[in-house]
């Protein structure tokens, strides 16, 4: 039984809610000039952060090995006017390559904190984030993000949904345009 509720749909971007803490994002990337299947790696993750300086104040990617990185992202202070702390993400990301897909599996790192993150910033904890890039052709990739966040008593769930909808769509649009214009 499919209980997904569409929260936002625009262009080729669909953002759905499965339940209060589980979300799914789907979109396609197409570029007939380059082989998209060759650029799906951690460099693409860095591109996402670099193309969105209005969302992130700072980001770092620390390579653990060829298939694993630690990513730290300090978000701009979106909830400052509500008196809520600034948020950051700190995740371990692993890459798995199959015949026709590349999967990035991410989970928050909760047992340590990057030194450069401000003391008053709070971890936005992600239980799991699975980004699946299905390679339909070398020039077309269907991407799905399955996101499960941990309950956060400090931010109302509607604010979280709105924040994700706005931020993720903005990120999607910029990265999609960049890749499709290569």
N, C-alpha and C. Protein backbone atom coordinates (compact mmCIF):
# COMPACT_ATOMS: atom_id res chain seq x y z
N UNK A 1 0.83 -1.18 0.00
CA UNK A 1 0.00 0.00 0.00
C UNK A 1 0.88 1.24 0.00
N UNK A 2 0.64 2.14 -0.92
CA UNK A 2 1.46 3.34 -1.06
C UNK A 2 0.77 4.50 -0.35
N UNK A 3 1.40 5.00 0.71
CA UNK A 3 0.84 6.10 1.48
C UNK A 3 1.54 7.42 1.20
N UNK A 4 2.30 7.49 0.11
CA UNK A 4 3.04 8.70 -0.20
C UNK A 4 2.09 9.85 -0.51
N UNK A 5 2.41 11.02 0.03
CA UNK A 5 1.64 12.23 -0.22
C UNK A 5 2.58 13.21 -0.91
N UNK A 6 2.17 13.72 -2.06
CA UNK A 6 3.01 14.68 -2.78
C UNK A 6 2.94 16.02 -2.05
N UNK A 7 4.10 16.49 -1.59
CA UNK A 7 4.19 17.79 -0.92
C UNK A 7 4.53 18.90 -1.90
N UNK A 8 5.26 18.53 -2.97
CA UNK A 8 5.72 19.52 -3.92
C UNK A 8 6.04 18.83 -5.23
N UNK A 9 5.54 19.38 -6.32
CA UNK A 9 5.83 18.84 -7.64
C UNK A 9 5.99 20.01 -8.58
N UNK A 10 7.17 20.09 -9.19
CA UNK A 10 7.44 21.17 -10.12
C UNK A 10 8.48 20.68 -11.11
N UNK A 11 8.20 20.95 -12.39
CA UNK A 11 9.07 20.49 -13.46
C UNK A 11 9.23 18.98 -13.33
N UNK A 12 10.44 18.50 -13.18
CA UNK A 12 10.71 17.07 -13.09
C UNK A 12 11.03 16.66 -11.65
N UNK A 13 10.65 17.48 -10.70
CA UNK A 13 11.01 17.29 -9.30
C UNK A 13 9.75 16.91 -8.52
N UNK A 14 9.80 15.78 -7.80
CA UNK A 14 8.67 15.36 -6.97
C UNK A 14 9.19 15.11 -5.55
N UNK A 15 8.58 15.79 -4.58
CA UNK A 15 8.94 15.66 -3.17
C UNK A 15 7.73 15.09 -2.46
N UNK A 16 7.85 13.88 -1.90
CA UNK A 16 6.73 13.23 -1.24
C UNK A 16 7.04 12.91 0.21
N UNK A 17 5.97 12.81 0.97
CA UNK A 17 6.07 12.41 2.38
C UNK A 17 5.51 11.00 2.49
N UNK A 18 6.29 10.12 3.10
CA UNK A 18 5.84 8.76 3.34
C UNK A 18 5.17 8.71 4.71
N UNK A 19 5.83 9.33 5.68
CA UNK A 19 5.24 9.56 7.00
C UNK A 19 5.95 10.76 7.61
N UNK A 20 5.70 11.04 8.86
CA UNK A 20 6.20 12.28 9.47
C UNK A 20 7.71 12.46 9.37
N UNK A 21 8.46 11.37 9.34
CA UNK A 21 9.92 11.48 9.33
C UNK A 21 10.59 10.82 8.12
N UNK A 22 9.79 10.40 7.15
CA UNK A 22 10.33 9.75 5.95
C UNK A 22 9.84 10.48 4.71
N UNK A 23 10.80 10.80 3.83
CA UNK A 23 10.50 11.58 2.62
C UNK A 23 11.21 10.96 1.42
N UNK A 24 10.69 11.27 0.25
CA UNK A 24 11.29 10.77 -0.98
C UNK A 24 11.33 11.91 -1.99
N UNK A 25 12.43 12.00 -2.71
CA UNK A 25 12.61 13.01 -3.75
C UNK A 25 13.01 12.27 -5.02
N UNK A 26 12.37 12.62 -6.13
CA UNK A 26 12.67 11.97 -7.41
C UNK A 26 12.85 13.03 -8.49
N UNK A 27 13.83 12.80 -9.36
CA UNK A 27 14.02 13.64 -10.54
C UNK A 27 14.94 12.94 -11.53
N UNK A 28 14.94 13.44 -12.75
CA UNK A 28 15.80 12.91 -13.81
C UNK A 28 16.83 13.97 -14.20
N UNK A 29 17.97 13.51 -14.66
CA UNK A 29 18.98 14.37 -15.26
C UNK A 29 19.26 13.83 -16.66
N UNK A 30 19.28 14.74 -17.64
CA UNK A 30 19.51 14.34 -19.03
C UNK A 30 20.51 15.31 -19.65
N UNK A 31 21.53 14.76 -20.30
CA UNK A 31 22.48 15.57 -21.07
C UNK A 31 23.04 14.66 -22.16
N UNK A 32 22.67 14.94 -23.40
CA UNK A 32 23.11 14.11 -24.53
C UNK A 32 24.53 14.42 -24.98
N UNK A 33 25.17 15.44 -24.38
CA UNK A 33 26.52 15.83 -24.77
C UNK A 33 27.61 15.11 -23.97
N UNK A 34 27.27 14.69 -22.75
CA UNK A 34 28.26 14.02 -21.91
C UNK A 34 27.67 12.73 -21.35
N UNK A 35 28.55 11.85 -20.91
CA UNK A 35 28.11 10.61 -20.29
C UNK A 35 27.94 10.86 -18.79
N UNK A 36 26.69 11.02 -18.39
CA UNK A 36 26.39 11.34 -16.99
C UNK A 36 26.83 10.22 -16.05
N UNK A 37 26.78 8.99 -16.53
CA UNK A 37 27.15 7.87 -15.67
C UNK A 37 28.61 7.95 -15.22
N UNK A 38 29.43 8.73 -15.93
CA UNK A 38 30.85 8.86 -15.58
C UNK A 38 31.11 9.93 -14.52
N UNK A 39 30.11 10.78 -14.23
CA UNK A 39 30.35 11.87 -13.27
C UNK A 39 29.66 11.66 -11.92
N UNK A 40 29.05 10.49 -11.73
CA UNK A 40 28.38 10.22 -10.46
C UNK A 40 29.42 9.70 -9.47
N UNK A 41 29.91 10.61 -8.64
CA UNK A 41 30.88 10.26 -7.62
C UNK A 41 30.83 11.32 -6.52
N UNK A 42 31.79 11.30 -5.63
CA UNK A 42 31.78 12.26 -4.53
C UNK A 42 32.02 13.69 -5.03
N UNK A 43 32.64 13.84 -6.19
CA UNK A 43 32.81 15.17 -6.78
C UNK A 43 31.47 15.82 -7.08
N UNK A 44 30.49 15.02 -7.45
CA UNK A 44 29.14 15.53 -7.69
C UNK A 44 28.54 16.05 -6.39
N UNK A 45 28.83 15.36 -5.28
CA UNK A 45 28.35 15.83 -3.98
C UNK A 45 28.97 17.20 -3.65
N UNK A 46 30.25 17.36 -3.92
CA UNK A 46 30.91 18.65 -3.68
C UNK A 46 30.29 19.74 -4.55
N UNK A 47 29.97 19.39 -5.80
CA UNK A 47 29.33 20.35 -6.70
C UNK A 47 28.02 20.85 -6.11
N UNK A 48 27.26 19.96 -5.51
CA UNK A 48 25.99 20.35 -4.89
C UNK A 48 26.23 21.45 -3.86
N UNK A 49 27.24 21.29 -3.04
CA UNK A 49 27.52 22.28 -2.00
C UNK A 49 28.07 23.57 -2.60
N UNK A 50 28.93 23.45 -3.60
CA UNK A 50 29.54 24.63 -4.21
C UNK A 50 28.54 25.49 -4.98
N UNK A 51 27.50 24.87 -5.52
CA UNK A 51 26.51 25.62 -6.29
C UNK A 51 25.46 26.32 -5.41
N UNK A 52 25.55 26.13 -4.11
CA UNK A 52 24.51 26.65 -3.22
C UNK A 52 25.07 27.44 -2.05
N UNK A 53 25.83 28.51 -2.33
CA UNK A 53 26.42 29.29 -1.23
C UNK A 53 25.38 30.07 -0.41
N UNK A 54 24.16 30.20 -0.91
CA UNK A 54 23.11 30.87 -0.14
C UNK A 54 22.45 29.93 0.87
N UNK A 55 22.79 28.65 0.80
CA UNK A 55 22.23 27.67 1.73
C UNK A 55 23.27 27.23 2.76
N UNK A 56 24.50 27.03 2.29
CA UNK A 56 25.57 26.54 3.16
C UNK A 56 26.59 27.64 3.40
N UNK A 57 27.01 27.79 4.66
CA UNK A 57 28.08 28.73 4.97
C UNK A 57 29.44 28.10 4.69
N UNK A 58 29.52 26.80 4.98
CA UNK A 58 30.79 26.11 4.79
C UNK A 58 30.51 24.62 4.64
N UNK A 59 31.37 23.95 3.88
CA UNK A 59 31.26 22.50 3.74
C UNK A 59 32.65 21.90 3.63
N UNK A 60 32.78 20.70 4.15
CA UNK A 60 34.03 19.95 4.00
C UNK A 60 33.70 18.51 3.63
N UNK A 61 34.56 17.94 2.82
CA UNK A 61 34.44 16.52 2.47
C UNK A 61 35.80 15.89 2.76
N UNK A 62 35.81 14.96 3.69
CA UNK A 62 37.04 14.26 4.07
C UNK A 62 36.98 12.84 3.52
N UNK A 63 37.92 12.53 2.64
CA UNK A 63 37.95 11.21 2.01
C UNK A 63 38.50 10.18 2.99
N UNK A 64 37.73 9.14 3.23
CA UNK A 64 38.16 8.02 4.07
C UNK A 64 38.85 6.98 3.18
N UNK A 65 38.20 6.66 2.06
CA UNK A 65 38.77 5.78 1.03
C UNK A 65 38.01 6.06 -0.26
N UNK A 66 38.22 5.26 -1.28
CA UNK A 66 37.60 5.50 -2.59
C UNK A 66 36.08 5.47 -2.55
N UNK A 67 35.53 4.76 -1.57
CA UNK A 67 34.08 4.57 -1.52
C UNK A 67 33.44 5.13 -0.25
N UNK A 68 34.16 6.00 0.47
CA UNK A 68 33.61 6.52 1.72
C UNK A 68 34.19 7.90 2.03
N UNK A 69 33.30 8.80 2.46
CA UNK A 69 33.70 10.14 2.87
C UNK A 69 32.92 10.56 4.11
N UNK A 70 33.46 11.57 4.80
CA UNK A 70 32.72 12.26 5.86
C UNK A 70 32.44 13.66 5.34
N UNK A 71 31.19 14.07 5.45
CA UNK A 71 30.76 15.37 4.96
C UNK A 71 30.23 16.19 6.13
N UNK A 72 30.71 17.43 6.24
CA UNK A 72 30.20 18.36 7.24
C UNK A 72 29.68 19.59 6.51
N UNK A 73 28.48 20.00 6.85
CA UNK A 73 27.83 21.16 6.22
C UNK A 73 27.26 22.06 7.28
N UNK A 74 27.64 23.31 7.25
CA UNK A 74 27.06 24.29 8.15
C UNK A 74 26.04 25.09 7.37
N UNK A 75 24.77 24.96 7.76
CA UNK A 75 23.70 25.68 7.09
C UNK A 75 23.67 27.13 7.54
N UNK A 76 23.17 27.99 6.69
CA UNK A 76 22.89 29.35 7.14
C UNK A 76 21.86 29.25 8.26
N UNK A 77 21.75 30.28 9.04
CA UNK A 77 20.89 30.26 10.22
C UNK A 77 19.44 30.58 9.83
N UNK A 78 18.73 29.57 9.30
CA UNK A 78 17.38 29.77 8.78
C UNK A 78 16.35 30.06 9.86
N UNK A 79 16.55 29.57 11.06
CA UNK A 79 15.55 29.71 12.12
C UNK A 79 15.96 30.70 13.20
N UNK A 80 16.89 31.58 12.89
CA UNK A 80 17.38 32.54 13.88
C UNK A 80 16.26 33.41 14.43
N UNK A 81 15.36 33.87 13.54
CA UNK A 81 14.27 34.74 13.99
C UNK A 81 13.27 34.02 14.89
N UNK A 82 13.30 32.69 14.91
CA UNK A 82 12.44 31.92 15.81
C UNK A 82 13.15 31.54 17.10
N UNK A 83 14.41 31.98 17.23
CA UNK A 83 15.17 31.67 18.43
C UNK A 83 15.71 30.25 18.47
N UNK A 84 15.73 29.58 17.32
CA UNK A 84 16.23 28.21 17.27
C UNK A 84 17.70 28.21 16.86
N UNK A 85 18.45 27.21 17.28
CA UNK A 85 19.88 27.18 16.96
C UNK A 85 20.15 26.93 15.48
N UNK A 86 21.30 27.38 15.04
CA UNK A 86 21.78 27.11 13.69
C UNK A 86 21.97 25.61 13.54
N UNK A 87 21.80 25.09 12.34
CA UNK A 87 21.89 23.65 12.11
C UNK A 87 23.11 23.29 11.26
N UNK A 88 23.61 22.10 11.49
CA UNK A 88 24.66 21.55 10.65
C UNK A 88 24.40 20.08 10.41
N UNK A 89 24.93 19.57 9.31
CA UNK A 89 24.89 18.15 9.00
C UNK A 89 26.31 17.62 9.13
N UNK A 90 26.43 16.44 9.67
CA UNK A 90 27.72 15.75 9.73
C UNK A 90 27.41 14.30 9.44
N UNK A 91 27.79 13.84 8.26
CA UNK A 91 27.39 12.50 7.83
C UNK A 91 28.55 11.67 7.31
N UNK A 92 28.40 10.39 7.45
CA UNK A 92 29.28 9.43 6.82
C UNK A 92 28.54 8.97 5.57
N UNK A 93 29.23 9.02 4.43
CA UNK A 93 28.61 8.66 3.15
C UNK A 93 29.43 7.56 2.49
N UNK A 94 28.74 6.49 2.12
CA UNK A 94 29.39 5.37 1.43
C UNK A 94 28.78 5.23 0.04
N UNK A 95 29.64 4.89 -0.91
CA UNK A 95 29.20 4.73 -2.30
C UNK A 95 29.26 3.25 -2.67
N UNK A 96 28.17 2.80 -3.30
CA UNK A 96 28.09 1.42 -3.79
C UNK A 96 27.75 1.48 -5.28
N UNK A 97 28.52 0.76 -6.09
CA UNK A 97 28.31 0.78 -7.54
C UNK A 97 27.83 -0.59 -7.99
N UNK A 98 26.70 -0.60 -8.69
CA UNK A 98 26.15 -1.82 -9.30
C UNK A 98 26.20 -1.65 -10.80
N UNK A 99 25.70 -2.61 -11.53
CA UNK A 99 25.73 -2.54 -12.99
C UNK A 99 25.10 -1.28 -13.54
N UNK A 100 23.90 -0.97 -13.11
CA UNK A 100 23.18 0.17 -13.67
C UNK A 100 22.78 1.21 -12.62
N UNK A 101 23.50 1.23 -11.51
CA UNK A 101 23.17 2.23 -10.49
C UNK A 101 24.38 2.55 -9.61
N UNK A 102 24.31 3.74 -9.05
CA UNK A 102 25.28 4.17 -8.04
C UNK A 102 24.43 4.60 -6.85
N UNK A 103 24.76 4.06 -5.68
CA UNK A 103 24.00 4.36 -4.47
C UNK A 103 24.92 5.01 -3.46
N UNK A 104 24.45 6.13 -2.91
CA UNK A 104 25.16 6.81 -1.83
C UNK A 104 24.33 6.61 -0.56
N UNK A 105 24.91 5.95 0.43
CA UNK A 105 24.23 5.68 1.69
C UNK A 105 24.84 6.58 2.76
N UNK A 106 24.01 7.40 3.38
CA UNK A 106 24.51 8.36 4.38
C UNK A 106 23.79 8.20 5.70
N UNK A 107 24.52 8.49 6.77
CA UNK A 107 23.99 8.45 8.12
C UNK A 107 24.72 9.49 8.95
N UNK A 108 24.01 10.15 9.84
CA UNK A 108 24.64 11.17 10.69
C UNK A 108 25.71 10.56 11.58
N UNK A 109 26.76 11.34 11.79
CA UNK A 109 27.81 11.00 12.74
C UNK A 109 27.45 11.75 14.02
N UNK A 110 27.17 11.02 15.05
CA UNK A 110 26.68 11.64 16.29
C UNK A 110 27.68 11.58 17.44
N UNK A 111 28.76 10.83 17.28
CA UNK A 111 29.70 10.64 18.40
C UNK A 111 30.87 11.63 18.39
N UNK A 112 30.92 12.51 17.39
CA UNK A 112 31.95 13.55 17.36
C UNK A 112 31.41 14.73 16.57
N UNK A 113 32.14 15.83 16.62
CA UNK A 113 31.71 17.07 15.98
C UNK A 113 32.91 17.73 15.33
N UNK A 114 32.75 18.25 14.09
CA UNK A 114 33.88 18.95 13.47
C UNK A 114 34.29 20.16 14.32
N UNK A 115 35.58 20.40 14.42
CA UNK A 115 36.09 21.49 15.26
C UNK A 115 35.62 22.86 14.80
N UNK A 116 35.41 23.03 13.51
CA UNK A 116 35.07 24.35 12.96
C UNK A 116 33.59 24.71 13.08
N UNK A 117 32.78 23.77 13.48
CA UNK A 117 31.34 24.04 13.67
C UNK A 117 31.16 24.86 14.94
N UNK A 118 30.39 25.97 14.88
CA UNK A 118 30.18 26.79 16.08
C UNK A 118 29.58 25.97 17.23
N UNK A 119 29.97 26.29 18.43
CA UNK A 119 29.51 25.57 19.62
C UNK A 119 27.99 25.58 19.76
N UNK A 120 27.36 26.69 19.37
CA UNK A 120 25.92 26.80 19.56
C UNK A 120 25.12 26.18 18.41
N UNK A 121 25.78 25.66 17.38
CA UNK A 121 25.08 25.00 16.27
C UNK A 121 24.66 23.59 16.71
N UNK A 122 23.52 23.16 16.19
CA UNK A 122 22.95 21.87 16.57
C UNK A 122 22.94 20.93 15.37
N UNK A 123 23.28 19.68 15.62
CA UNK A 123 23.27 18.66 14.58
C UNK A 123 21.85 18.42 14.11
N UNK A 124 21.65 18.48 12.80
CA UNK A 124 20.38 18.04 12.20
C UNK A 124 20.59 16.58 11.86
N UNK A 125 20.05 15.72 12.68
CA UNK A 125 20.37 14.30 12.58
C UNK A 125 19.54 13.59 11.52
N UNK A 126 20.24 12.90 10.66
CA UNK A 126 19.63 12.10 9.60
C UNK A 126 19.83 10.64 9.98
N UNK A 127 18.72 9.93 10.11
CA UNK A 127 18.82 8.51 10.40
C UNK A 127 19.44 7.80 9.19
N UNK A 128 18.86 8.01 8.01
CA UNK A 128 19.45 7.49 6.78
C UNK A 128 19.06 8.40 5.61
N UNK A 129 19.96 8.53 4.69
CA UNK A 129 19.72 9.21 3.42
C UNK A 129 20.32 8.32 2.35
N UNK A 130 19.47 7.80 1.49
CA UNK A 130 19.93 6.92 0.42
C UNK A 130 19.64 7.60 -0.90
N UNK A 131 20.70 7.93 -1.62
CA UNK A 131 20.59 8.53 -2.94
C UNK A 131 20.89 7.44 -3.96
N UNK A 132 19.89 7.11 -4.76
CA UNK A 132 20.05 6.08 -5.78
C UNK A 132 20.02 6.73 -7.15
N UNK A 133 21.10 6.57 -7.88
CA UNK A 133 21.20 7.10 -9.24
C UNK A 133 21.08 5.91 -10.19
N UNK A 134 19.90 5.72 -10.76
CA UNK A 134 19.68 4.64 -11.72
C UNK A 134 20.05 5.15 -13.11
N UNK A 135 20.99 4.47 -13.73
CA UNK A 135 21.50 4.86 -15.04
C UNK A 135 20.60 4.22 -16.09
N UNK A 136 19.70 5.03 -16.65
CA UNK A 136 18.79 4.52 -17.67
C UNK A 136 19.50 4.42 -19.02
N UNK A 137 20.30 5.44 -19.32
CA UNK A 137 21.21 5.43 -20.47
C UNK A 137 22.44 6.20 -20.02
N UNK A 138 23.54 6.18 -20.76
CA UNK A 138 24.70 6.98 -20.35
C UNK A 138 24.39 8.48 -20.26
N UNK A 139 23.27 8.90 -20.86
CA UNK A 139 22.92 10.32 -20.89
C UNK A 139 21.69 10.65 -20.05
N UNK A 140 21.09 9.66 -19.41
CA UNK A 140 19.90 9.90 -18.60
C UNK A 140 20.00 9.11 -17.29
N UNK A 141 19.82 9.84 -16.18
CA UNK A 141 19.90 9.24 -14.86
C UNK A 141 18.63 9.59 -14.08
N UNK A 142 17.99 8.58 -13.54
CA UNK A 142 16.84 8.78 -12.67
C UNK A 142 17.36 8.73 -11.23
N UNK A 143 17.13 9.81 -10.49
CA UNK A 143 17.67 9.94 -9.14
C UNK A 143 16.55 9.92 -8.12
N UNK A 144 16.76 9.15 -7.06
CA UNK A 144 15.80 9.08 -5.95
C UNK A 144 16.57 9.27 -4.64
N UNK A 145 16.05 10.16 -3.80
CA UNK A 145 16.57 10.33 -2.45
C UNK A 145 15.53 9.79 -1.49
N UNK A 146 15.91 8.84 -0.66
CA UNK A 146 15.04 8.36 0.41
C UNK A 146 15.63 8.89 1.70
N UNK A 147 14.87 9.73 2.38
CA UNK A 147 15.36 10.44 3.56
C UNK A 147 14.55 10.05 4.78
N UNK A 148 15.24 9.64 5.81
CA UNK A 148 14.60 9.37 7.09
C UNK A 148 15.32 10.23 8.13
N UNK A 149 14.60 11.22 8.66
CA UNK A 149 15.20 12.09 9.66
C UNK A 149 14.83 11.60 11.05
N UNK A 150 15.65 11.97 12.01
CA UNK A 150 15.34 11.62 13.39
C UNK A 150 14.43 12.70 13.95
N UNK A 151 13.49 12.32 14.81
CA UNK A 151 12.59 13.32 15.40
C UNK A 151 13.38 14.43 16.07
N UNK A 152 12.91 15.67 15.87
CA UNK A 152 13.58 16.84 16.45
C UNK A 152 12.53 17.65 17.19
N UNK A 153 12.61 17.62 18.50
CA UNK A 153 11.60 18.31 19.32
C UNK A 153 11.74 19.83 19.23
N UNK A 154 12.86 20.33 18.71
CA UNK A 154 13.08 21.77 18.67
C UNK A 154 12.51 22.46 17.43
N UNK A 155 12.21 21.68 16.39
CA UNK A 155 11.69 22.28 15.15
C UNK A 155 10.38 21.60 14.79
N UNK A 156 9.32 22.36 14.60
CA UNK A 156 8.04 21.75 14.19
C UNK A 156 8.20 21.03 12.85
N UNK A 157 7.52 19.90 12.70
CA UNK A 157 7.66 19.09 11.49
C UNK A 157 7.23 19.85 10.24
N UNK A 158 6.26 20.74 10.34
CA UNK A 158 5.86 21.53 9.17
C UNK A 158 6.98 22.46 8.72
N UNK A 159 7.74 22.99 9.67
CA UNK A 159 8.88 23.85 9.33
C UNK A 159 9.97 23.02 8.64
N UNK A 160 10.17 21.80 9.12
CA UNK A 160 11.15 20.91 8.50
C UNK A 160 10.74 20.59 7.07
N UNK A 161 9.46 20.26 6.87
CA UNK A 161 8.98 19.96 5.53
C UNK A 161 9.15 21.15 4.59
N UNK A 162 8.80 22.33 5.06
CA UNK A 162 8.92 23.53 4.23
C UNK A 162 10.39 23.80 3.90
N UNK A 163 11.24 23.69 4.91
CA UNK A 163 12.67 23.91 4.71
C UNK A 163 13.22 22.93 3.66
N UNK A 164 12.91 21.64 3.82
CA UNK A 164 13.39 20.66 2.86
C UNK A 164 12.83 20.93 1.47
N UNK A 165 11.57 21.26 1.37
CA UNK A 165 10.95 21.50 0.07
C UNK A 165 11.66 22.65 -0.64
N UNK A 166 11.86 23.75 0.04
CA UNK A 166 12.48 24.93 -0.57
C UNK A 166 13.95 24.67 -0.88
N UNK A 167 14.69 24.17 0.09
CA UNK A 167 16.13 23.96 -0.09
C UNK A 167 16.41 22.88 -1.12
N UNK A 168 15.75 21.75 -0.99
CA UNK A 168 16.04 20.64 -1.89
C UNK A 168 15.66 21.00 -3.32
N UNK A 169 14.54 21.69 -3.51
CA UNK A 169 14.17 22.08 -4.87
C UNK A 169 15.19 23.05 -5.45
N UNK A 170 15.64 24.00 -4.65
CA UNK A 170 16.64 24.96 -5.11
C UNK A 170 17.93 24.24 -5.50
N UNK A 171 18.37 23.32 -4.66
CA UNK A 171 19.58 22.54 -4.95
C UNK A 171 19.38 21.72 -6.22
N UNK A 172 18.27 21.03 -6.31
CA UNK A 172 17.96 20.21 -7.48
C UNK A 172 18.01 21.03 -8.75
N UNK A 173 17.36 22.17 -8.73
CA UNK A 173 17.27 23.00 -9.93
C UNK A 173 18.66 23.47 -10.38
N UNK A 174 19.47 23.91 -9.44
CA UNK A 174 20.81 24.41 -9.78
C UNK A 174 21.72 23.30 -10.31
N UNK A 175 21.73 22.15 -9.63
CA UNK A 175 22.59 21.05 -10.07
C UNK A 175 22.11 20.51 -11.41
N UNK A 176 20.82 20.35 -11.56
CA UNK A 176 20.25 19.86 -12.83
C UNK A 176 20.61 20.80 -13.97
N UNK A 177 20.44 22.11 -13.78
CA UNK A 177 20.78 23.08 -14.82
C UNK A 177 22.26 23.04 -15.15
N UNK A 178 23.11 22.96 -14.11
CA UNK A 178 24.55 22.91 -14.33
C UNK A 178 24.92 21.69 -15.17
N UNK A 179 24.42 20.52 -14.77
CA UNK A 179 24.77 19.29 -15.47
C UNK A 179 24.20 19.28 -16.88
N UNK A 180 22.96 19.72 -17.03
CA UNK A 180 22.36 19.67 -18.36
C UNK A 180 22.96 20.71 -19.31
N UNK A 181 23.67 21.71 -18.77
CA UNK A 181 24.30 22.72 -19.62
C UNK A 181 25.78 22.44 -19.88
N UNK A 182 26.30 21.36 -19.34
CA UNK A 182 27.71 21.00 -19.58
C UNK A 182 27.94 20.74 -21.06
